[in-house]
Protein backbone atom coordinates (compact mmCIF):
# COMPACT_ATOMS: atom_id res chain seq x y z
CA UNK A 1 0.00 0.00 0.00
CA UNK A 2 2.77 2.48 0.93
CA UNK A 3 4.70 1.62 -2.23
CA UNK A 4 1.68 2.63 -4.31
CA UNK A 5 1.39 5.98 -2.49
CA UNK A 6 5.10 6.64 -2.86
CA UNK A 7 4.95 5.84 -6.58
CA UNK A 8 1.96 8.19 -7.03
CA UNK A 9 3.78 11.03 -5.25
CA UNK A 10 6.77 10.48 -7.49
CA UNK A 11 4.60 10.79 -10.59
CA UNK A 12 3.07 14.01 -9.29
CA UNK A 13 6.55 15.39 -8.70
CA UNK A 14 7.57 14.49 -12.24
CA UNK A 15 4.42 16.13 -13.63
CA UNK A 16 5.11 19.30 -11.63
CA UNK A 17 8.71 19.35 -12.86
CA UNK A 18 7.56 18.95 -16.47
CA UNK A 19 5.05 21.80 -16.10
CA UNK A 20 7.68 24.08 -14.57
CA UNK A 21 10.15 23.23 -17.32
CA UNK A 22 7.47 23.94 -19.93
CA UNK A 23 6.64 27.31 -18.36
CA UNK A 24 10.32 28.27 -18.21
CA UNK A 25 10.84 27.16 -21.80
CA UNK A 26 7.88 29.21 -23.04
CA UNK A 27 9.13 32.18 -21.02
CA UNK A 28 12.52 31.96 -22.68
CA UNK A 29 11.04 31.56 -26.16
CA UNK A 30 8.61 34.47 -25.80
CA UNK A 31 10.84 36.68 -23.64
CA UNK A 32 10.91 39.62 -26.04
CA UNK A 33 7.13 39.54 -26.59
CA UNK A 34 6.48 39.37 -22.84
CA UNK A 35 8.92 42.23 -22.17
CA UNK A 36 7.33 44.38 -24.89
CA UNK A 37 3.83 43.70 -23.54
CA UNK A 38 4.79 44.57 -19.95
CA UNK A 39 6.64 47.74 -21.00
CA UNK A 40 3.73 48.90 -23.19
CA UNK A 41 1.26 48.23 -20.38
CA UNK A 42 3.25 50.22 -17.83
CA UNK A 43 3.88 53.04 -20.29
CA UNK A 44 0.16 53.37 -20.98
CA UNK A 45 -0.61 53.32 -17.25
CA UNK A 46 2.03 55.99 -16.66
CA UNK A 47 0.71 58.13 -19.51
CA UNK A 48 -2.84 58.01 -18.11
CA UNK A 49 -1.63 59.32 -14.72
CA UNK A 50 -3.12 56.28 -13.05
PDB file of N, CA and C in Angstrom:
ATOM      1  N   UNK A   1       0.822  -1.189   0.000  1.00  0.00           N
ATOM      2  CA  UNK A   1       0.000   0.000   0.000  1.00  0.00           C
ATOM      3  C   UNK A   1       0.876   1.267   0.000  1.00  0.00           C
ATOM      4  N   UNK A   2       1.905   1.302   0.848  1.00  0.00           N
ATOM      5  CA  UNK A   2       2.768   2.477   0.927  1.00  0.00           C
ATOM      6  C   UNK A   2       3.599   2.642  -0.343  1.00  0.00           C
ATOM      7  N   UNK A   3       3.952   1.530  -0.983  1.00  0.00           N
ATOM      8  CA  UNK A   3       4.701   1.620  -2.230  1.00  0.00           C
ATOM      9  C   UNK A   3       3.870   2.308  -3.303  1.00  0.00           C
ATOM     10  N   UNK A   4       2.568   2.019  -3.323  1.00  0.00           N
ATOM     11  CA  UNK A   4       1.685   2.633  -4.307  1.00  0.00           C
ATOM     12  C   UNK A   4       1.592   4.140  -4.070  1.00  0.00           C
ATOM     13  N   UNK A   5       1.466   4.546  -2.796  1.00  0.00           N
ATOM     14  CA  UNK A   5       1.390   5.979  -2.489  1.00  0.00           C
ATOM     15  C   UNK A   5       2.691   6.680  -2.849  1.00  0.00           C
ATOM     16  N   UNK A   6       3.812   6.058  -2.548  1.00  0.00           N
ATOM     17  CA  UNK A   6       5.104   6.641  -2.858  1.00  0.00           C
ATOM     18  C   UNK A   6       5.278   6.793  -4.372  1.00  0.00           C
ATOM     19  N   UNK A   7       4.844   5.802  -5.126  1.00  0.00           N
ATOM     20  CA  UNK A   7       4.948   5.845  -6.582  1.00  0.00           C
ATOM     21  C   UNK A   7       4.068   6.965  -7.139  1.00  0.00           C
ATOM     22  N   UNK A   8       2.878   7.140  -6.578  1.00  0.00           N
ATOM     23  CA  UNK A   8       1.960   8.191  -7.033  1.00  0.00           C
ATOM     24  C   UNK A   8       2.549   9.573  -6.738  1.00  0.00           C
ATOM     25  N   UNK A   9       3.149   9.750  -5.576  1.00  0.00           N
ATOM     26  CA  UNK A   9       3.784  11.027  -5.248  1.00  0.00           C
ATOM     27  C   UNK A   9       4.926  11.323  -6.205  1.00  0.00           C
ATOM     28  N   UNK A  10       5.678  10.300  -6.553  1.00  0.00           N
ATOM     29  CA  UNK A  10       6.774  10.482  -7.492  1.00  0.00           C
ATOM     30  C   UNK A  10       6.285  10.934  -8.854  1.00  0.00           C
ATOM     31  N   UNK A  11       5.168  10.383  -9.309  1.00  0.00           N
ATOM     32  CA  UNK A  11       4.604  10.786 -10.594  1.00  0.00           C
ATOM     33  C   UNK A  11       4.114  12.228 -10.541  1.00  0.00           C
ATOM     34  N   UNK A  12       3.516  12.630  -9.422  1.00  0.00           N
ATOM     35  CA  UNK A  12       3.071  14.013  -9.287  1.00  0.00           C
ATOM     36  C   UNK A  12       4.256  14.969  -9.299  1.00  0.00           C
ATOM     37  N   UNK A  13       5.341  14.564  -8.707  1.00  0.00           N
ATOM     38  CA  UNK A  13       6.551  15.385  -8.697  1.00  0.00           C
ATOM     39  C   UNK A  13       7.108  15.535 -10.107  1.00  0.00           C
ATOM     40  N   UNK A  14       7.097  14.448 -10.855  1.00  0.00           N
ATOM     41  CA  UNK A  14       7.571  14.493 -12.242  1.00  0.00           C
ATOM     42  C   UNK A  14       6.665  15.395 -13.074  1.00  0.00           C
ATOM     43  N   UNK A  15       5.359  15.286 -12.885  1.00  0.00           N
ATOM     44  CA  UNK A  15       4.422  16.126 -13.627  1.00  0.00           C
ATOM     45  C   UNK A  15       4.642  17.603 -13.299  1.00  0.00           C
ATOM     46  N   UNK A  16       4.856  17.912 -12.033  1.00  0.00           N
ATOM     47  CA  UNK A  16       5.110  19.297 -11.634  1.00  0.00           C
ATOM     48  C   UNK A  16       6.408  19.802 -12.252  1.00  0.00           C
ATOM     49  N   UNK A  17       7.425  18.961 -12.269  1.00  0.00           N
ATOM     50  CA  UNK A  17       8.709  19.354 -12.860  1.00  0.00           C
ATOM     51  C   UNK A  17       8.561  19.601 -14.359  1.00  0.00           C
ATOM     52  N   UNK A  18       7.786  18.766 -15.035  1.00  0.00           N
ATOM     53  CA  UNK A  18       7.563  18.955 -16.473  1.00  0.00           C
ATOM     54  C   UNK A  18       6.814  20.261 -16.731  1.00  0.00           C
ATOM     55  N   UNK A  19       5.801  20.554 -15.927  1.00  0.00           N
ATOM     56  CA  UNK A  19       5.047  21.799 -16.100  1.00  0.00           C
ATOM     57  C   UNK A  19       5.923  23.027 -15.850  1.00  0.00           C
ATOM     58  N   UNK A  20       6.773  22.962 -14.849  1.00  0.00           N
ATOM     59  CA  UNK A  20       7.680  24.080 -14.566  1.00  0.00           C
ATOM     60  C   UNK A  20       8.668  24.256 -15.709  1.00  0.00           C
ATOM     61  N   UNK A  21       9.207  23.155 -16.203  1.00  0.00           N
ATOM     62  CA  UNK A  21      10.150  23.232 -17.324  1.00  0.00           C
ATOM     63  C   UNK A  21       9.470  23.800 -18.566  1.00  0.00           C
ATOM     64  N   UNK A  22       8.220  23.425 -18.802  1.00  0.00           N
ATOM     65  CA  UNK A  22       7.466  23.939 -19.934  1.00  0.00           C
ATOM     66  C   UNK A  22       7.232  25.443 -19.796  1.00  0.00           C
ATOM     67  N   UNK A  23       6.873  25.883 -18.595  1.00  0.00           N
ATOM     68  CA  UNK A  23       6.644  27.312 -18.359  1.00  0.00           C
ATOM     69  C   UNK A  23       7.931  28.107 -18.549  1.00  0.00           C
ATOM     70  N   UNK A  24       9.036  27.592 -18.047  1.00  0.00           N
ATOM     71  CA  UNK A  24      10.324  28.272 -18.209  1.00  0.00           C
ATOM     72  C   UNK A  24      10.716  28.314 -19.685  1.00  0.00           C
ATOM     73  N   UNK A  25      10.516  27.214 -20.379  1.00  0.00           N
ATOM     74  CA  UNK A  25      10.837  27.159 -21.796  1.00  0.00           C
ATOM     75  C   UNK A  25      10.032  28.159 -22.607  1.00  0.00           C
ATOM     76  N   UNK A  26       8.726  28.235 -22.337  1.00  0.00           N
ATOM     77  CA  UNK A  26       7.885  29.211 -23.039  1.00  0.00           C
ATOM     78  C   UNK A  26       8.291  30.637 -22.681  1.00  0.00           C
ATOM     79  N   UNK A  27       8.663  30.860 -21.437  1.00  0.00           N
ATOM     80  CA  UNK A  27       9.127  32.181 -21.021  1.00  0.00           C
ATOM     81  C   UNK A  27      10.382  32.599 -21.755  1.00  0.00           C
ATOM     82  N   UNK A  28      11.279  31.652 -21.954  1.00  0.00           N
ATOM     83  CA  UNK A  28      12.523  31.960 -22.681  1.00  0.00           C
ATOM     84  C   UNK A  28      12.228  32.220 -24.155  1.00  0.00           C
ATOM     85  N   UNK A  29      11.356  31.406 -24.747  1.00  0.00           N
ATOM     86  CA  UNK A  29      11.039  31.561 -26.162  1.00  0.00           C
ATOM     87  C   UNK A  29      10.358  32.898 -26.435  1.00  0.00           C
ATOM     88  N   UNK A  30       9.401  33.260 -25.581  1.00  0.00           N
ATOM     89  CA  UNK A  30       8.610  34.470 -25.805  1.00  0.00           C
ATOM     90  C   UNK A  30       9.063  35.642 -24.942  1.00  0.00           C
ATOM     91  N   UNK A  31      10.330  35.647 -24.541  1.00  0.00           N
ATOM     92  CA  UNK A  31      10.843  36.677 -23.638  1.00  0.00           C
ATOM     93  C   UNK A  31      10.667  38.076 -24.205  1.00  0.00           C
ATOM     94  N   UNK A  32      10.998  38.276 -25.457  1.00  0.00           N
ATOM     95  CA  UNK A  32      10.906  39.621 -26.038  1.00  0.00           C
ATOM     96  C   UNK A  32       9.454  40.080 -26.141  1.00  0.00           C
ATOM     97  N   UNK A  33       8.540  39.170 -26.506  1.00  0.00           N
ATOM     98  CA  UNK A  33       7.128  39.536 -26.591  1.00  0.00           C
ATOM     99  C   UNK A  33       6.561  39.890 -25.217  1.00  0.00           C
ATOM    100  N   UNK A  34       6.946  39.109 -24.198  1.00  0.00           N
ATOM    101  CA  UNK A  34       6.476  39.366 -22.837  1.00  0.00           C
ATOM    102  C   UNK A  34       7.013  40.712 -22.350  1.00  0.00           C
ATOM    103  N   UNK A  35       8.298  40.977 -22.601  1.00  0.00           N
ATOM    104  CA  UNK A  35       8.915  42.234 -22.173  1.00  0.00           C
ATOM    105  C   UNK A  35       8.244  43.418 -22.855  1.00  0.00           C
ATOM    106  N   UNK A  36       7.982  43.306 -24.147  1.00  0.00           N
ATOM    107  CA  UNK A  36       7.326  44.382 -24.886  1.00  0.00           C
ATOM    108  C   UNK A  36       5.933  44.627 -24.331  1.00  0.00           C
ATOM    109  N   UNK A  37       5.187  43.571 -24.072  1.00  0.00           N
ATOM    110  CA  UNK A  37       3.828  43.703 -23.536  1.00  0.00           C
ATOM    111  C   UNK A  37       3.834  44.403 -22.177  1.00  0.00           C
ATOM    112  N   UNK A  38       4.729  43.975 -21.289  1.00  0.00           N
ATOM    113  CA  UNK A  38       4.792  44.568 -19.953  1.00  0.00           C
ATOM    114  C   UNK A  38       5.197  46.040 -20.041  1.00  0.00           C
ATOM    115  N   UNK A  39       6.198  46.347 -20.858  1.00  0.00           N
ATOM    116  CA  UNK A  39       6.637  47.738 -21.001  1.00  0.00           C
ATOM    117  C   UNK A  39       5.533  48.613 -21.576  1.00  0.00           C
ATOM    118  N   UNK A  40       4.828  48.133 -22.604  1.00  0.00           N
ATOM    119  CA  UNK A  40       3.725  48.903 -23.191  1.00  0.00           C
ATOM    120  C   UNK A  40       2.612  49.135 -22.180  1.00  0.00           C
ATOM    121  N   UNK A  41       2.315  48.118 -21.386  1.00  0.00           N
ATOM    122  CA  UNK A  41       1.258  48.234 -20.383  1.00  0.00           C
ATOM    123  C   UNK A  41       1.619  49.289 -19.346  1.00  0.00           C
ATOM    124  N   UNK A  42       2.849  49.238 -18.837  1.00  0.00           N
ATOM    125  CA  UNK A  42       3.246  50.216 -17.828  1.00  0.00           C
ATOM    126  C   UNK A  42       3.383  51.622 -18.407  1.00  0.00           C
ATOM    127  N   UNK A  43       3.809  51.726 -19.650  1.00  0.00           N
ATOM    128  CA  UNK A  43       3.882  53.042 -20.291  1.00  0.00           C
ATOM    129  C   UNK A  43       2.490  53.646 -20.449  1.00  0.00           C
ATOM    130  N   UNK A  44       1.520  52.853 -20.840  1.00  0.00           N
ATOM    131  CA  UNK A  44       0.163  53.365 -20.985  1.00  0.00           C
ATOM    132  C   UNK A  44      -0.436  53.740 -19.631  1.00  0.00           C
ATOM    133  N   UNK A  45      -0.136  52.970 -18.594  1.00  0.00           N
ATOM    134  CA  UNK A  45      -0.607  53.321 -17.252  1.00  0.00           C
ATOM    135  C   UNK A  45       0.035  54.622 -16.777  1.00  0.00           C
ATOM    136  N   UNK A  46       1.316  54.782 -17.056  1.00  0.00           N
ATOM    137  CA  UNK A  46       2.032  55.986 -16.662  1.00  0.00           C
ATOM    138  C   UNK A  46       1.512  57.205 -17.423  1.00  0.00           C
ATOM    139  N   UNK A  47       1.196  57.020 -18.694  1.00  0.00           N
ATOM    140  CA  UNK A  47       0.711  58.126 -19.515  1.00  0.00           C
ATOM    141  C   UNK A  47      -0.686  58.571 -19.089  1.00  0.00           C
ATOM    142  N   UNK A  48      -1.465  57.660 -18.521  1.00  0.00           N
ATOM    143  CA  UNK A  48      -2.837  58.011 -18.114  1.00  0.00           C
ATOM    144  C   UNK A  48      -2.883  58.583 -16.708  1.00  0.00           C
ATOM    145  N   UNK A  49      -1.732  58.801 -16.094  1.00  0.00           N
ATOM    146  CA  UNK A  49      -1.632  59.318 -14.725  1.00  0.00           C
ATOM    147  C   UNK A  49      -2.451  58.496 -13.753  1.00  0.00           C
ATOM    148  N   UNK A  50      -2.357  57.218 -13.890  1.00  0.00           N
ATOM    149  CA  UNK A  50      -3.119  56.277 -13.050  1.00  0.00           C
ATOM    150  C   UNK A  50      -2.665  56.356 -11.631  1.00  0.00           C
TER     151      UNK A  50
END
